[in-house]
Amino acid sequence: MKRYKIFIIVMVVLSITCITLFYNVLKPKKSLPIFTPSMVNPELVDTTVQYVANKHFISDFSFINQSGKVITQKDYEGKIYVADFFFTTCKTICPMMSDNMSWLQEQIKNNPKVMLLSHSVTPEIDSVPVLKQYAIQKRAIDGKWNLVTGNKKDIYYIARKSYLAVKTGKPEELYDMVHTENFVLVDDKRRVRGFYDGTKREEVEKLLEDILFLCKEE
């Protein structure tokens, strides 16, 4: 009986080991898509890039942040970052989005590979002092989370042509925008890798998982 007992224990251990190995081999390897305009809801994409099916990258940009500093793509060169679109006077989804972005900042504040970028869709209202006050309220860290303002046309174009994240307003008002709740994940090669509902903590937690995955992938 003692021999049988040892044999059974050995077989159980071997079975568990084999099952674990097979599971690890067969389990799908995690990956993130590389989004192009043709993969996204047409309402969120400018018609000039709507059918681009490959090699889509975030365009060069130049905006002013909450500290009055000019922020360009050079500040995000080689970085993984999260972008969104908001306005300081928004009373609906923006407070939830900003609170979740603040939470995300807390999780990645010591990770030099990751940054955040929030664009105001009402730059005529959101001046540098207004953004500064908002940044203080949301505890934005200078250099980690840039809240930017600038030319409305430039913000509109980058929202629809690059980030694929903002709906238009009235068709007759070309630069009128209705921002969405999307947080957009961008990799260090300036490619869109994911969209997340910035009003939902569980979605932002998923975003954090994907950020950490990209950090390891690089």
N, C-alpha and C. Protein backbone atom coordinates (compact mmCIF):
# COMPACT_ATOMS: atom_id res chain seq x y z
N MET A 1 0.83 -1.21 0.00
CA MET A 1 0.00 0.00 0.00
C MET A 1 0.86 1.26 0.00
N LYS A 2 1.98 1.17 0.72
CA LYS A 2 2.86 2.33 0.80
C LYS A 2 3.41 2.66 -0.58
N ARG A 3 3.77 1.58 -1.35
CA ARG A 3 4.28 1.80 -2.71
C ARG A 3 3.22 2.45 -3.59
N TYR A 4 2.01 1.94 -3.48
CA TYR A 4 0.91 2.52 -4.27
C TYR A 4 0.66 3.98 -3.90
N LYS A 5 0.78 4.28 -2.62
CA LYS A 5 0.56 5.65 -2.15
C LYS A 5 1.59 6.59 -2.77
N ILE A 6 2.86 6.16 -2.77
CA ILE A 6 3.93 6.98 -3.36
C ILE A 6 3.70 7.14 -4.86
N PHE A 7 3.30 6.02 -5.51
CA PHE A 7 3.04 6.04 -6.95
C PHE A 7 1.91 7.02 -7.29
N ILE A 8 0.84 6.99 -6.50
CA ILE A 8 -0.30 7.89 -6.73
C ILE A 8 0.10 9.34 -6.57
N ILE A 9 0.89 9.61 -5.52
CA ILE A 9 1.34 10.99 -5.27
C ILE A 9 2.19 11.49 -6.44
N VAL A 10 3.11 10.62 -6.91
CA VAL A 10 3.98 10.99 -8.03
C VAL A 10 3.16 11.27 -9.28
N MET A 11 2.16 10.41 -9.54
CA MET A 11 1.32 10.58 -10.72
C MET A 11 0.49 11.85 -10.65
N VAL A 12 -0.01 12.17 -9.47
CA VAL A 12 -0.79 13.40 -9.30
C VAL A 12 0.08 14.62 -9.58
N VAL A 13 1.30 14.61 -9.02
CA VAL A 13 2.23 15.73 -9.24
C VAL A 13 2.57 15.87 -10.71
N LEU A 14 2.85 14.74 -11.37
CA LEU A 14 3.16 14.76 -12.80
C LEU A 14 1.98 15.26 -13.62
N SER A 15 0.78 14.83 -13.24
CA SER A 15 -0.42 15.26 -13.96
C SER A 15 -0.62 16.76 -13.86
N ILE A 16 -0.46 17.27 -12.64
CA ILE A 16 -0.62 18.72 -12.43
C ILE A 16 0.42 19.49 -13.23
N THR A 17 1.66 18.98 -13.23
CA THR A 17 2.74 19.63 -13.98
C THR A 17 2.44 19.63 -15.47
N CYS A 18 1.99 18.49 -15.99
CA CYS A 18 1.68 18.38 -17.42
C CYS A 18 0.53 19.30 -17.81
N ILE A 19 -0.51 19.32 -16.98
CA ILE A 19 -1.67 20.18 -17.26
C ILE A 19 -1.25 21.64 -17.29
N THR A 20 -0.41 22.02 -16.32
CA THR A 20 0.07 23.40 -16.25
C THR A 20 0.88 23.77 -17.49
N LEU A 21 1.76 22.85 -17.89
CA LEU A 21 2.58 23.10 -19.08
C LEU A 21 1.73 23.22 -20.34
N PHE A 22 0.77 22.31 -20.50
CA PHE A 22 -0.12 22.36 -21.66
C PHE A 22 -0.94 23.65 -21.66
N TYR A 23 -1.40 24.07 -20.49
CA TYR A 23 -2.19 25.30 -20.38
C TYR A 23 -1.36 26.51 -20.83
N ASN A 24 -0.12 26.56 -20.36
CA ASN A 24 0.75 27.69 -20.71
C ASN A 24 1.08 27.71 -22.19
N VAL A 25 1.21 26.52 -22.78
CA VAL A 25 1.52 26.43 -24.21
C VAL A 25 0.31 26.82 -25.05
N LEU A 26 -0.87 26.34 -24.65
CA LEU A 26 -2.08 26.56 -25.43
C LEU A 26 -2.74 27.90 -25.18
N LYS A 27 -2.46 28.52 -24.03
CA LYS A 27 -3.09 29.79 -23.69
C LYS A 27 -2.69 30.86 -24.71
N PRO A 28 -3.64 31.58 -25.28
CA PRO A 28 -3.32 32.61 -26.27
C PRO A 28 -2.39 33.66 -25.67
N LYS A 29 -1.37 34.03 -26.42
CA LYS A 29 -0.44 35.05 -25.96
C LYS A 29 -1.12 36.42 -26.03
N LYS A 30 -0.99 37.22 -24.98
CA LYS A 30 -1.61 38.54 -24.95
C LYS A 30 -1.02 39.43 -26.04
N SER A 31 -1.86 40.17 -26.70
CA SER A 31 -1.41 41.13 -27.69
C SER A 31 -2.41 42.28 -27.75
N LEU A 32 -1.97 43.41 -28.22
CA LEU A 32 -2.84 44.57 -28.39
C LEU A 32 -2.90 44.93 -29.87
N PRO A 33 -4.08 45.24 -30.37
CA PRO A 33 -4.18 45.62 -31.79
C PRO A 33 -3.49 46.96 -32.05
N ILE A 34 -3.12 47.16 -33.30
CA ILE A 34 -2.63 48.46 -33.75
C ILE A 34 -3.75 49.08 -34.57
N PHE A 35 -4.42 50.07 -34.01
CA PHE A 35 -5.62 50.62 -34.64
C PHE A 35 -5.30 51.54 -35.82
N THR A 36 -6.12 51.42 -36.84
CA THR A 36 -6.07 52.31 -37.99
C THR A 36 -7.47 52.91 -38.18
N PRO A 37 -7.59 54.01 -38.93
CA PRO A 37 -8.91 54.64 -39.11
C PRO A 37 -9.98 53.69 -39.63
N SER A 38 -9.61 52.75 -40.49
CA SER A 38 -10.60 51.83 -41.07
C SER A 38 -11.19 50.89 -40.03
N MET A 39 -10.57 50.80 -38.84
CA MET A 39 -11.04 49.89 -37.80
C MET A 39 -11.96 50.58 -36.80
N VAL A 40 -12.13 51.89 -36.94
CA VAL A 40 -12.83 52.70 -35.93
C VAL A 40 -14.16 53.21 -36.48
N ASN A 41 -15.10 53.45 -35.56
CA ASN A 41 -16.41 54.02 -35.92
C ASN A 41 -16.20 55.26 -36.81
N PRO A 42 -16.74 55.27 -38.03
CA PRO A 42 -16.55 56.40 -38.95
C PRO A 42 -16.95 57.75 -38.37
N GLU A 43 -17.88 57.76 -37.40
CA GLU A 43 -18.30 59.02 -36.78
C GLU A 43 -17.13 59.71 -36.06
N LEU A 44 -16.12 58.92 -35.68
CA LEU A 44 -15.00 59.45 -34.91
C LEU A 44 -13.80 59.81 -35.77
N VAL A 45 -13.92 59.62 -37.09
CA VAL A 45 -12.76 59.74 -37.97
C VAL A 45 -13.02 60.78 -39.06
N ASP A 46 -12.02 61.61 -39.34
CA ASP A 46 -12.14 62.56 -40.44
C ASP A 46 -12.23 61.81 -41.76
N THR A 47 -13.05 62.29 -42.66
CA THR A 47 -13.29 61.57 -43.93
C THR A 47 -12.02 61.41 -44.76
N THR A 48 -11.05 62.29 -44.58
CA THR A 48 -9.83 62.23 -45.38
C THR A 48 -8.94 61.05 -45.01
N VAL A 49 -9.15 60.47 -43.82
CA VAL A 49 -8.31 59.33 -43.41
C VAL A 49 -9.15 58.09 -43.09
N GLN A 50 -10.42 58.17 -43.39
CA GLN A 50 -11.36 57.13 -42.97
C GLN A 50 -11.00 55.73 -43.46
N TYR A 51 -10.38 55.65 -44.62
CA TYR A 51 -10.12 54.34 -45.21
C TYR A 51 -8.66 53.91 -45.12
N VAL A 52 -7.88 54.62 -44.34
CA VAL A 52 -6.48 54.21 -44.13
C VAL A 52 -6.47 52.90 -43.34
N ALA A 53 -5.81 51.90 -43.90
CA ALA A 53 -5.85 50.57 -43.28
C ALA A 53 -4.50 50.15 -42.70
N ASN A 54 -3.48 50.96 -42.86
CA ASN A 54 -2.18 50.62 -42.26
C ASN A 54 -1.33 51.88 -42.09
N LYS A 55 -0.29 51.74 -41.33
CA LYS A 55 0.67 52.82 -41.10
C LYS A 55 0.02 54.13 -40.67
N HIS A 56 -0.80 54.04 -39.63
CA HIS A 56 -1.41 55.24 -39.06
C HIS A 56 -0.63 55.67 -37.82
N PHE A 57 -0.21 56.92 -37.78
CA PHE A 57 0.58 57.44 -36.66
C PHE A 57 0.00 58.78 -36.19
N ILE A 58 0.27 59.10 -34.92
CA ILE A 58 -0.14 60.40 -34.39
C ILE A 58 0.70 61.48 -35.06
N SER A 59 0.04 62.50 -35.57
CA SER A 59 0.74 63.59 -36.26
C SER A 59 1.54 64.45 -35.29
N ASP A 60 2.46 65.24 -35.84
CA ASP A 60 3.18 66.21 -35.03
C ASP A 60 2.19 67.23 -34.47
N PHE A 61 2.50 67.76 -33.31
CA PHE A 61 1.60 68.74 -32.69
C PHE A 61 2.38 69.75 -31.87
N SER A 62 1.71 70.85 -31.57
CA SER A 62 2.30 71.89 -30.72
C SER A 62 1.18 72.61 -29.98
N PHE A 63 1.16 72.45 -28.65
CA PHE A 63 0.14 73.06 -27.81
C PHE A 63 0.80 73.70 -26.59
N ILE A 64 0.00 74.39 -25.78
CA ILE A 64 0.51 75.04 -24.57
C ILE A 64 -0.09 74.34 -23.35
N ASN A 65 0.76 73.99 -22.38
CA ASN A 65 0.23 73.28 -21.22
C ASN A 65 -0.13 74.22 -20.08
N GLN A 66 -0.53 73.63 -18.95
CA GLN A 66 -1.03 74.39 -17.80
C GLN A 66 0.02 75.31 -17.17
N SER A 67 1.27 75.10 -17.51
CA SER A 67 2.34 75.95 -16.98
C SER A 67 2.86 76.94 -18.01
N GLY A 68 2.17 77.00 -19.16
CA GLY A 68 2.58 77.94 -20.20
C GLY A 68 3.71 77.43 -21.07
N LYS A 69 4.05 76.16 -20.94
CA LYS A 69 5.14 75.57 -21.73
C LYS A 69 4.60 75.02 -23.04
N VAL A 70 5.38 75.19 -24.11
CA VAL A 70 5.02 74.60 -25.40
C VAL A 70 5.29 73.10 -25.33
N ILE A 71 4.26 72.31 -25.63
CA ILE A 71 4.37 70.85 -25.61
C ILE A 71 4.23 70.34 -27.04
N THR A 72 5.20 69.56 -27.49
CA THR A 72 5.15 68.99 -28.84
C THR A 72 5.35 67.48 -28.75
N GLN A 73 5.31 66.85 -29.92
CA GLN A 73 5.53 65.40 -29.98
C GLN A 73 6.90 65.03 -29.44
N LYS A 74 7.85 65.96 -29.44
CA LYS A 74 9.19 65.68 -28.91
C LYS A 74 9.15 65.36 -27.42
N ASP A 75 8.21 65.99 -26.69
CA ASP A 75 8.08 65.72 -25.26
C ASP A 75 7.58 64.30 -24.99
N TYR A 76 6.96 63.70 -26.01
CA TYR A 76 6.40 62.35 -25.86
C TYR A 76 7.18 61.31 -26.68
N GLU A 77 8.30 61.74 -27.20
CA GLU A 77 9.11 60.84 -28.03
C GLU A 77 9.59 59.64 -27.23
N GLY A 78 9.33 58.44 -27.75
CA GLY A 78 9.75 57.23 -27.07
C GLY A 78 8.94 56.88 -25.84
N LYS A 79 7.80 57.57 -25.65
CA LYS A 79 6.95 57.33 -24.48
C LYS A 79 5.66 56.61 -24.86
N ILE A 80 5.14 55.86 -23.92
CA ILE A 80 3.78 55.34 -23.99
C ILE A 80 2.92 56.39 -23.30
N TYR A 81 1.78 56.77 -23.91
CA TYR A 81 0.97 57.78 -23.24
C TYR A 81 -0.52 57.57 -23.49
N VAL A 82 -1.29 58.23 -22.64
CA VAL A 82 -2.75 58.19 -22.73
C VAL A 82 -3.24 59.59 -23.06
N ALA A 83 -4.05 59.70 -24.09
CA ALA A 83 -4.60 61.00 -24.50
C ALA A 83 -6.11 61.02 -24.33
N ASP A 84 -6.64 62.20 -24.03
CA ASP A 84 -8.09 62.36 -24.01
C ASP A 84 -8.45 63.79 -24.36
N PHE A 85 -9.76 64.06 -24.46
CA PHE A 85 -10.27 65.38 -24.83
C PHE A 85 -11.35 65.78 -23.84
N PHE A 86 -11.27 66.99 -23.32
CA PHE A 86 -12.14 67.43 -22.23
C PHE A 86 -12.32 68.94 -22.30
N PHE A 87 -13.11 69.50 -21.39
CA PHE A 87 -13.10 70.95 -21.16
C PHE A 87 -13.44 71.21 -19.71
N THR A 88 -12.87 72.25 -19.16
CA THR A 88 -12.92 72.48 -17.72
C THR A 88 -14.31 72.81 -17.20
N THR A 89 -15.19 73.34 -18.07
CA THR A 89 -16.54 73.70 -17.61
C THR A 89 -17.54 72.57 -17.78
N CYS A 90 -17.10 71.45 -18.29
CA CYS A 90 -17.98 70.29 -18.48
C CYS A 90 -18.45 69.77 -17.13
N LYS A 91 -19.75 69.54 -17.00
CA LYS A 91 -20.33 69.07 -15.73
C LYS A 91 -20.85 67.63 -15.83
N THR A 92 -20.66 67.00 -16.99
CA THR A 92 -21.22 65.65 -17.17
C THR A 92 -20.13 64.59 -17.03
N ILE A 93 -19.50 64.22 -18.15
CA ILE A 93 -18.53 63.12 -18.10
C ILE A 93 -17.11 63.55 -17.71
N CYS A 94 -16.79 64.83 -17.92
CA CYS A 94 -15.41 65.28 -17.68
C CYS A 94 -14.93 65.09 -16.24
N PRO A 95 -15.74 65.42 -15.22
CA PRO A 95 -15.26 65.20 -13.85
C PRO A 95 -14.88 63.74 -13.59
N MET A 96 -15.68 62.80 -14.11
CA MET A 96 -15.36 61.39 -13.94
C MET A 96 -14.08 61.02 -14.69
N MET A 97 -13.94 61.54 -15.91
CA MET A 97 -12.76 61.26 -16.70
C MET A 97 -11.51 61.81 -16.03
N SER A 98 -11.60 63.03 -15.55
CA SER A 98 -10.43 63.65 -14.91
C SER A 98 -10.05 62.95 -13.61
N ASP A 99 -11.06 62.53 -12.85
CA ASP A 99 -10.77 61.79 -11.62
C ASP A 99 -10.09 60.46 -11.94
N ASN A 100 -10.54 59.80 -13.00
CA ASN A 100 -9.92 58.53 -13.38
C ASN A 100 -8.53 58.74 -13.96
N MET A 101 -8.32 59.86 -14.66
CA MET A 101 -6.99 60.17 -15.17
C MET A 101 -6.05 60.47 -13.99
N SER A 102 -6.58 61.13 -12.98
CA SER A 102 -5.81 61.41 -11.78
C SER A 102 -5.42 60.10 -11.08
N TRP A 103 -6.38 59.17 -11.01
CA TRP A 103 -6.09 57.86 -10.43
C TRP A 103 -5.00 57.15 -11.23
N LEU A 104 -5.10 57.21 -12.56
CA LEU A 104 -4.12 56.57 -13.42
C LEU A 104 -2.74 57.19 -13.22
N GLN A 105 -2.71 58.52 -13.09
CA GLN A 105 -1.44 59.20 -12.84
C GLN A 105 -0.77 58.67 -11.58
N GLU A 106 -1.56 58.43 -10.55
CA GLU A 106 -1.01 57.93 -9.29
C GLU A 106 -0.35 56.56 -9.48
N GLN A 107 -0.93 55.76 -10.38
CA GLN A 107 -0.40 54.41 -10.61
C GLN A 107 0.89 54.42 -11.42
N ILE A 108 1.06 55.42 -12.29
CA ILE A 108 2.21 55.42 -13.20
C ILE A 108 3.19 56.57 -12.93
N LYS A 109 3.01 57.28 -11.83
CA LYS A 109 3.81 58.48 -11.60
C LYS A 109 5.30 58.19 -11.47
N ASN A 110 5.66 56.98 -11.06
CA ASN A 110 7.08 56.63 -10.92
C ASN A 110 7.62 55.84 -12.11
N ASN A 111 6.81 55.75 -13.16
CA ASN A 111 7.21 55.02 -14.37
C ASN A 111 7.61 56.04 -15.43
N PRO A 112 8.91 56.19 -15.70
CA PRO A 112 9.36 57.22 -16.66
C PRO A 112 8.95 56.95 -18.10
N LYS A 113 8.46 55.75 -18.38
CA LYS A 113 8.07 55.40 -19.75
C LYS A 113 6.69 55.91 -20.12
N VAL A 114 5.90 56.34 -19.11
CA VAL A 114 4.48 56.62 -19.34
C VAL A 114 4.13 58.07 -19.01
N MET A 115 3.31 58.70 -19.89
CA MET A 115 2.86 60.06 -19.68
C MET A 115 1.37 60.17 -20.00
N LEU A 116 0.78 61.32 -19.69
CA LEU A 116 -0.64 61.59 -19.94
C LEU A 116 -0.76 62.91 -20.71
N LEU A 117 -1.82 63.02 -21.53
CA LEU A 117 -2.01 64.23 -22.34
C LEU A 117 -3.50 64.50 -22.53
N SER A 118 -4.00 65.59 -21.93
CA SER A 118 -5.41 65.96 -22.03
C SER A 118 -5.55 67.25 -22.84
N HIS A 119 -6.37 67.20 -23.88
CA HIS A 119 -6.57 68.35 -24.77
C HIS A 119 -7.90 69.04 -24.45
N SER A 120 -7.88 70.34 -24.31
CA SER A 120 -9.13 71.08 -24.13
C SER A 120 -9.82 71.25 -25.48
N VAL A 121 -11.12 70.97 -25.53
CA VAL A 121 -11.88 71.18 -26.78
C VAL A 121 -12.55 72.55 -26.80
N THR A 122 -12.34 73.34 -25.74
CA THR A 122 -12.83 74.73 -25.72
C THR A 122 -11.65 75.64 -25.37
N PRO A 123 -10.65 75.70 -26.26
CA PRO A 123 -9.45 76.49 -25.95
C PRO A 123 -9.71 77.97 -25.77
N GLU A 124 -10.83 78.46 -26.34
CA GLU A 124 -11.16 79.88 -26.16
C GLU A 124 -11.56 80.18 -24.72
N ILE A 125 -11.95 79.16 -23.98
CA ILE A 125 -12.30 79.30 -22.56
C ILE A 125 -11.15 78.84 -21.67
N ASP A 126 -10.53 77.74 -22.06
CA ASP A 126 -9.50 77.12 -21.23
C ASP A 126 -8.13 77.72 -21.51
N SER A 127 -7.91 78.90 -20.95
CA SER A 127 -6.62 79.57 -21.06
C SER A 127 -5.61 78.88 -20.14
N VAL A 128 -4.37 79.29 -20.21
CA VAL A 128 -3.33 78.71 -19.35
C VAL A 128 -3.69 78.84 -17.87
N PRO A 129 -4.10 80.03 -17.38
CA PRO A 129 -4.46 80.13 -15.96
C PRO A 129 -5.62 79.22 -15.57
N VAL A 130 -6.61 79.08 -16.47
CA VAL A 130 -7.75 78.21 -16.18
C VAL A 130 -7.29 76.76 -16.10
N LEU A 131 -6.45 76.35 -17.04
CA LEU A 131 -5.92 74.98 -17.01
C LEU A 131 -5.05 74.75 -15.78
N LYS A 132 -4.31 75.76 -15.38
CA LYS A 132 -3.46 75.63 -14.19
C LYS A 132 -4.29 75.36 -12.95
N GLN A 133 -5.36 76.11 -12.80
CA GLN A 133 -6.24 75.93 -11.64
C GLN A 133 -6.88 74.54 -11.67
N TYR A 134 -7.29 74.12 -12.85
CA TYR A 134 -7.89 72.79 -13.00
C TYR A 134 -6.87 71.70 -12.70
N ALA A 135 -5.64 71.91 -13.17
CA ALA A 135 -4.57 70.94 -12.93
C ALA A 135 -4.28 70.81 -11.44
N ILE A 136 -4.32 71.92 -10.73
CA ILE A 136 -4.10 71.89 -9.28
C ILE A 136 -5.21 71.09 -8.60
N GLN A 137 -6.45 71.33 -9.02
CA GLN A 137 -7.58 70.60 -8.45
C GLN A 137 -7.46 69.10 -8.66
N LYS A 138 -6.94 68.71 -9.83
CA LYS A 138 -6.83 67.30 -10.18
C LYS A 138 -5.46 66.71 -9.83
N ARG A 139 -4.63 67.54 -9.21
CA ARG A 139 -3.30 67.11 -8.76
C ARG A 139 -2.43 66.61 -9.91
N ALA A 140 -2.54 67.29 -11.04
CA ALA A 140 -1.72 66.92 -12.19
C ALA A 140 -0.26 67.27 -11.91
N ILE A 141 0.62 66.35 -12.21
CA ILE A 141 2.05 66.53 -12.02
C ILE A 141 2.65 67.11 -13.29
N ASP A 142 3.27 68.29 -13.18
CA ASP A 142 3.91 68.91 -14.35
C ASP A 142 4.95 67.96 -14.93
N GLY A 143 4.89 67.80 -16.25
CA GLY A 143 5.84 66.93 -16.91
C GLY A 143 5.37 65.49 -17.02
N LYS A 144 4.39 65.13 -16.22
CA LYS A 144 3.81 63.78 -16.28
C LYS A 144 2.44 63.83 -16.96
N TRP A 145 1.63 64.81 -16.56
CA TRP A 145 0.28 64.96 -17.12
C TRP A 145 0.13 66.39 -17.63
N ASN A 146 0.15 66.54 -18.95
CA ASN A 146 -0.01 67.85 -19.58
C ASN A 146 -1.46 68.07 -19.98
N LEU A 147 -2.03 69.17 -19.49
CA LEU A 147 -3.35 69.61 -19.92
C LEU A 147 -3.11 70.77 -20.88
N VAL A 148 -3.53 70.61 -22.14
CA VAL A 148 -3.10 71.57 -23.14
C VAL A 148 -4.25 72.30 -23.81
N THR A 149 -3.91 73.51 -24.26
CA THR A 149 -4.81 74.36 -25.03
C THR A 149 -4.06 74.79 -26.28
N GLY A 150 -4.77 75.42 -27.20
CA GLY A 150 -4.11 75.86 -28.43
C GLY A 150 -5.12 76.26 -29.48
N ASN A 151 -4.69 76.23 -30.73
CA ASN A 151 -5.57 76.58 -31.84
C ASN A 151 -6.67 75.53 -31.98
N LYS A 152 -7.92 75.99 -32.03
CA LYS A 152 -9.04 75.05 -32.06
C LYS A 152 -9.01 74.15 -33.30
N LYS A 153 -8.59 74.69 -34.43
CA LYS A 153 -8.51 73.88 -35.64
C LYS A 153 -7.48 72.76 -35.48
N ASP A 154 -6.36 73.08 -34.85
CA ASP A 154 -5.31 72.07 -34.64
C ASP A 154 -5.80 70.96 -33.71
N ILE A 155 -6.51 71.37 -32.67
CA ILE A 155 -7.04 70.37 -31.73
C ILE A 155 -8.08 69.50 -32.41
N TYR A 156 -8.94 70.13 -33.20
CA TYR A 156 -9.96 69.38 -33.93
C TYR A 156 -9.32 68.36 -34.87
N TYR A 157 -8.34 68.79 -35.64
CA TYR A 157 -7.73 67.89 -36.63
C TYR A 157 -6.99 66.73 -35.97
N ILE A 158 -6.26 67.01 -34.91
CA ILE A 158 -5.53 65.91 -34.29
C ILE A 158 -6.49 64.94 -33.60
N ALA A 159 -7.61 65.46 -33.11
CA ALA A 159 -8.61 64.59 -32.47
C ALA A 159 -9.19 63.61 -33.47
N ARG A 160 -9.53 64.11 -34.66
CA ARG A 160 -10.22 63.27 -35.65
C ARG A 160 -9.28 62.57 -36.62
N LYS A 161 -8.15 63.18 -36.94
CA LYS A 161 -7.24 62.56 -37.91
C LYS A 161 -6.20 61.66 -37.26
N SER A 162 -5.86 61.95 -36.01
CA SER A 162 -4.82 61.16 -35.36
C SER A 162 -5.37 60.23 -34.29
N TYR A 163 -6.08 60.81 -33.29
CA TYR A 163 -6.54 60.00 -32.16
C TYR A 163 -7.85 59.26 -32.42
N LEU A 164 -8.57 59.65 -33.46
CA LEU A 164 -9.80 58.95 -33.85
C LEU A 164 -10.76 58.87 -32.67
N ALA A 165 -10.92 60.00 -31.98
CA ALA A 165 -11.59 59.95 -30.68
C ALA A 165 -12.70 60.96 -30.45
N VAL A 166 -12.99 61.82 -31.42
CA VAL A 166 -13.94 62.90 -31.16
C VAL A 166 -14.99 62.98 -32.26
N LYS A 167 -16.24 63.09 -31.86
CA LYS A 167 -17.34 63.25 -32.81
C LYS A 167 -17.48 64.71 -33.21
N THR A 168 -17.98 64.94 -34.42
CA THR A 168 -18.27 66.30 -34.83
C THR A 168 -19.59 66.75 -34.22
N GLY A 169 -19.78 68.05 -34.19
CA GLY A 169 -21.06 68.58 -33.76
C GLY A 169 -21.93 68.78 -34.99
N LYS A 170 -22.44 69.98 -35.20
CA LYS A 170 -23.27 70.25 -36.37
C LYS A 170 -22.38 70.26 -37.62
N PRO A 171 -22.83 69.60 -38.68
CA PRO A 171 -22.02 69.51 -39.90
C PRO A 171 -21.61 70.87 -40.44
N GLU A 172 -22.47 71.86 -40.27
CA GLU A 172 -22.15 73.19 -40.81
C GLU A 172 -21.12 73.93 -39.97
N GLU A 173 -20.82 73.40 -38.79
CA GLU A 173 -19.82 74.03 -37.93
C GLU A 173 -18.60 73.12 -37.89
N LEU A 174 -17.70 73.33 -38.84
CA LEU A 174 -16.58 72.42 -39.07
C LEU A 174 -15.75 72.16 -37.82
N TYR A 175 -15.55 73.21 -37.03
CA TYR A 175 -14.67 73.04 -35.88
C TYR A 175 -15.43 72.92 -34.56
N ASP A 176 -16.71 72.64 -34.67
CA ASP A 176 -17.49 72.38 -33.46
C ASP A 176 -17.31 70.91 -33.11
N MET A 177 -17.02 70.61 -31.86
CA MET A 177 -16.75 69.23 -31.48
C MET A 177 -17.60 68.79 -30.31
N VAL A 178 -17.93 67.53 -30.30
CA VAL A 178 -18.53 66.90 -29.15
C VAL A 178 -17.55 65.83 -28.71
N HIS A 179 -16.87 66.06 -27.60
CA HIS A 179 -15.84 65.11 -27.20
C HIS A 179 -16.47 63.83 -26.68
N THR A 180 -15.71 62.77 -26.69
CA THR A 180 -16.19 61.48 -26.20
C THR A 180 -15.50 61.14 -24.88
N GLU A 181 -15.93 60.02 -24.32
CA GLU A 181 -15.35 59.57 -23.05
C GLU A 181 -14.06 58.78 -23.27
N ASN A 182 -13.59 58.67 -24.50
CA ASN A 182 -12.45 57.80 -24.80
C ASN A 182 -11.13 58.26 -24.20
N PHE A 183 -10.44 57.31 -23.59
CA PHE A 183 -9.02 57.45 -23.28
C PHE A 183 -8.31 56.66 -24.38
N VAL A 184 -7.32 57.26 -25.01
CA VAL A 184 -6.64 56.62 -26.13
C VAL A 184 -5.23 56.24 -25.72
N LEU A 185 -4.89 54.97 -25.87
CA LEU A 185 -3.55 54.48 -25.54
C LEU A 185 -2.67 54.56 -26.77
N VAL A 186 -1.53 55.24 -26.64
CA VAL A 186 -0.58 55.40 -27.74
C VAL A 186 0.75 54.79 -27.34
N ASP A 187 1.36 54.01 -28.24
CA ASP A 187 2.63 53.38 -27.89
C ASP A 187 3.81 54.28 -28.22
N ASP A 188 5.01 53.79 -27.97
CA ASP A 188 6.20 54.64 -28.14
C ASP A 188 6.57 54.84 -29.60
N LYS A 189 5.80 54.23 -30.51
CA LYS A 189 6.01 54.45 -31.94
C LYS A 189 4.90 55.33 -32.53
N ARG A 190 4.12 55.96 -31.65
CA ARG A 190 3.06 56.89 -32.02
C ARG A 190 1.89 56.20 -32.71
N ARG A 191 1.64 54.93 -32.33
CA ARG A 191 0.52 54.17 -32.89
C ARG A 191 -0.58 54.02 -31.85
N VAL A 192 -1.84 54.07 -32.27
CA VAL A 192 -2.98 53.88 -31.36
C VAL A 192 -3.12 52.40 -31.05
N ARG A 193 -3.13 52.07 -29.74
CA ARG A 193 -3.19 50.66 -29.34
C ARG A 193 -4.45 50.29 -28.57
N GLY A 194 -5.29 51.28 -28.22
CA GLY A 194 -6.52 50.93 -27.51
C GLY A 194 -7.38 52.13 -27.19
N PHE A 195 -8.68 51.86 -27.00
CA PHE A 195 -9.65 52.87 -26.59
C PHE A 195 -10.36 52.36 -25.34
N TYR A 196 -10.58 53.24 -24.36
CA TYR A 196 -11.14 52.85 -23.08
C TYR A 196 -12.12 53.92 -22.62
N ASP A 197 -13.19 53.49 -21.97
CA ASP A 197 -14.18 54.41 -21.44
C ASP A 197 -13.61 55.08 -20.18
N GLY A 198 -13.25 56.34 -20.32
CA GLY A 198 -12.62 57.05 -19.22
C GLY A 198 -13.53 57.37 -18.05
N THR A 199 -14.83 57.09 -18.20
CA THR A 199 -15.75 57.34 -17.08
C THR A 199 -15.89 56.12 -16.17
N LYS A 200 -15.32 54.99 -16.57
CA LYS A 200 -15.49 53.75 -15.81
C LYS A 200 -14.15 53.28 -15.25
N ARG A 201 -14.09 53.14 -13.91
CA ARG A 201 -12.84 52.75 -13.27
C ARG A 201 -12.35 51.39 -13.76
N GLU A 202 -13.29 50.43 -13.98
CA GLU A 202 -12.86 49.11 -14.42
C GLU A 202 -12.19 49.16 -15.80
N GLU A 203 -12.64 50.10 -16.66
CA GLU A 203 -12.02 50.27 -17.96
C GLU A 203 -10.63 50.88 -17.82
N VAL A 204 -10.49 51.81 -16.90
CA VAL A 204 -9.19 52.46 -16.69
C VAL A 204 -8.21 51.48 -16.03
N GLU A 205 -8.72 50.58 -15.21
CA GLU A 205 -7.87 49.53 -14.64
C GLU A 205 -7.37 48.61 -15.75
N LYS A 206 -8.25 48.32 -16.73
CA LYS A 206 -7.83 47.53 -17.89
C LYS A 206 -6.78 48.29 -18.69
N LEU A 207 -6.97 49.59 -18.83
CA LEU A 207 -6.00 50.43 -19.50
C LEU A 207 -4.64 50.33 -18.82
N LEU A 208 -4.64 50.39 -17.50
CA LEU A 208 -3.38 50.28 -16.76
C LEU A 208 -2.69 48.95 -17.05
N GLU A 209 -3.45 47.87 -17.08
CA GLU A 209 -2.89 46.55 -17.40
C GLU A 209 -2.22 46.58 -18.78
N ASP A 210 -2.89 47.23 -19.74
CA ASP A 210 -2.35 47.27 -21.09
C ASP A 210 -1.12 48.18 -21.17
N ILE A 211 -1.10 49.24 -20.39
CA ILE A 211 0.09 50.10 -20.32
C ILE A 211 1.28 49.28 -19.83
N LEU A 212 1.09 48.54 -18.76
CA LEU A 212 2.17 47.74 -18.18
C LEU A 212 2.60 46.65 -19.16
N PHE A 213 1.65 46.10 -19.91
CA PHE A 213 1.99 45.11 -20.93
C PHE A 213 2.89 45.73 -22.00
N LEU A 214 2.55 46.94 -22.46
CA LEU A 214 3.36 47.60 -23.46
C LEU A 214 4.75 47.94 -22.93
N CYS A 215 4.81 48.30 -21.66
CA CYS A 215 6.11 48.60 -21.04
C CYS A 215 7.04 47.39 -21.09
N LYS A 216 6.48 46.21 -20.85
CA LYS A 216 7.27 44.98 -20.88
C LYS A 216 7.60 44.56 -22.30
N GLU A 217 6.71 44.91 -23.22
CA GLU A 217 6.87 44.52 -24.62
C GLU A 217 8.00 45.27 -25.29
N GLU A 218 8.22 46.51 -24.83
CA GLU A 218 9.24 47.35 -25.48
C GLU A 218 10.64 46.80 -25.25
